Amino acid sequence: MFSRVLVANRGEIAVRVIRALHELGIEAVAVYSTADADALHVRLADRAVRLGPPPAAQSYLNIPSVIAAATTTGCEAVHPGYGFLSENDEFVRMCEDNDLVFIGPPADVMARMGDKALAKQEMREAGVPLVPGTEGATGPEEAAAAAELLGFPVLLKAAAGGGGKGMRLVTEPDELHDAFQRAAAEAHAAFGDGTLYVEKAITPARHVEIQVMCDNHGNVLTCGERECSIQRRHQKLIEESPSPALDAALREEMEAAAERACRHIGYRNAGTFEFLVGPDGSFSFIELNARLQVEHPVTELVTSMDLVRQQVRIAAGEPLEVNGRAPRQGHAIEMRINAEDPRHDFRPAPGTLTRFRPPLGPGVRVDTFVEEGSTIPPYYDSLIAKLVVRDVDRDLAIARARRALEEFEIEGVPTTREAIHEILGSEQFRSGVYSTSFLDEVELAAVG
């Protein structure tokens, strides 16, 4: 097992990883920008290294600085969290070149899965269903031709990244040119690569993902699914497990597909296979997130597994204690409490939290990095906290989630708390019959 690990991230995920390392008896080294000098993850770590000024490109995305922070403090491994460098194969290679264990998949696997065209080819070889679309880089004229062939609506998607960046839904031919230019510009700004491809938009669709854990001994563990269809701007807002859209047969079919894919590509560590599920129950591969997901606590609550500790153990060479299908029980819901204004299209709203009182009680978990008086800076993600609840069934989990939201006191910045409370109370959400277009179809007082 490692004795010292660098946590190459910030915010609630850095706090989450540091706590897991300490529980394993491992020293944690934090990195920070000048905007995060007083942050909780810096205070919790055994040591902390300043990377640079607030812009991520000069701090958390500065690969030489992060590597130097790890080597000069005597770290044996690096945990990337999610976002920033977590899916950067160049960073993984730099870790390997400096005798640092990267707590995640190997560089070659990450590079192949980061190439959307190559990833789809390998999924096809593994017998995983795919969304119809173009292969490789697609220019404006090729996109127009593909859209006519596939039939509208279509999605323009960034080849170099995810998280809703560089993505546009196009419903009519005359919208395509402008949408292509905007998506390409956004993709270039977010990932340094404006390459796009085209996929058929499946509507109405559910966004369902399968969590996997793979060790270095050939063992593959699938940990069930997470329903992620409640989204704004193609970014997740509420996640739950199990998905109300899946029955036992479809769940097994999707988990089996994810397992086949893991074995085919030689996957290691934690990962998430994202799928679209159509109204007929058919499912299609979207992408593989070769890292830990923001919504991993949902899986932790229904499986009683600590995924971060599992990541560290796998990276240290230990085998999984179980493989196949992870046992799971109950129902869990995660709600992302973001510093955003739902009345203005969920626009980010950085500022100072004048009051922060998270809820307590049985079956309630809050992952956060803030305290009363903390500032949500404008340079990074708007996430304030993840509120996660578990109960014996879905109806009780919804009731517990709404109770916890009502007790959650946050003042100083607009947040998604009230919008989420209203969503959970809506008849459509309670029915379990909803899709990725939920926020476009349902009028909410907290959003209007």
Foldseek 3Di string as FASTA:
>chain_A
DWAEEEELDDWLQLVLLCVLCVVVNHAYEYEEEPLCPPFQSCVSGPYYYYQYHQFCVRGSQPLVSSLCSCVVVVGQEYEHGDPRCFLPLVSQVVCVVVNYQYLFWHSVLSVQQQQVLSVVVLLVVLVAAAFDWDHHFDDLVRQLVGCVVLDDFKWKAASRDDQLQLIDTDGDSVVRPVSLVRSLVRSCVVGVGSTIIMGHDAPQKWKKKWKWAAFPPGFIEILWMKTFQADFSRHGFKIKPPAPVDDPVLRLVVSVSVSSSCNSSVGHAIKMWIWIAHPVRDIHTDGIGRHDDPPCVNSCQFQVDDRSNSSVCRSVRHHDPDGDYGHTFFMKMKGFKFLFQLQVSRHHWWFFWQQWDFFDDPFKDKRTTDHHGDTQDPNDGRTGIMIMGTDRYDVVNLVVLLVRLVVTDTDTGDICSVVVSQCSVDPCVVVSPDGNCRVVVDDDPSND
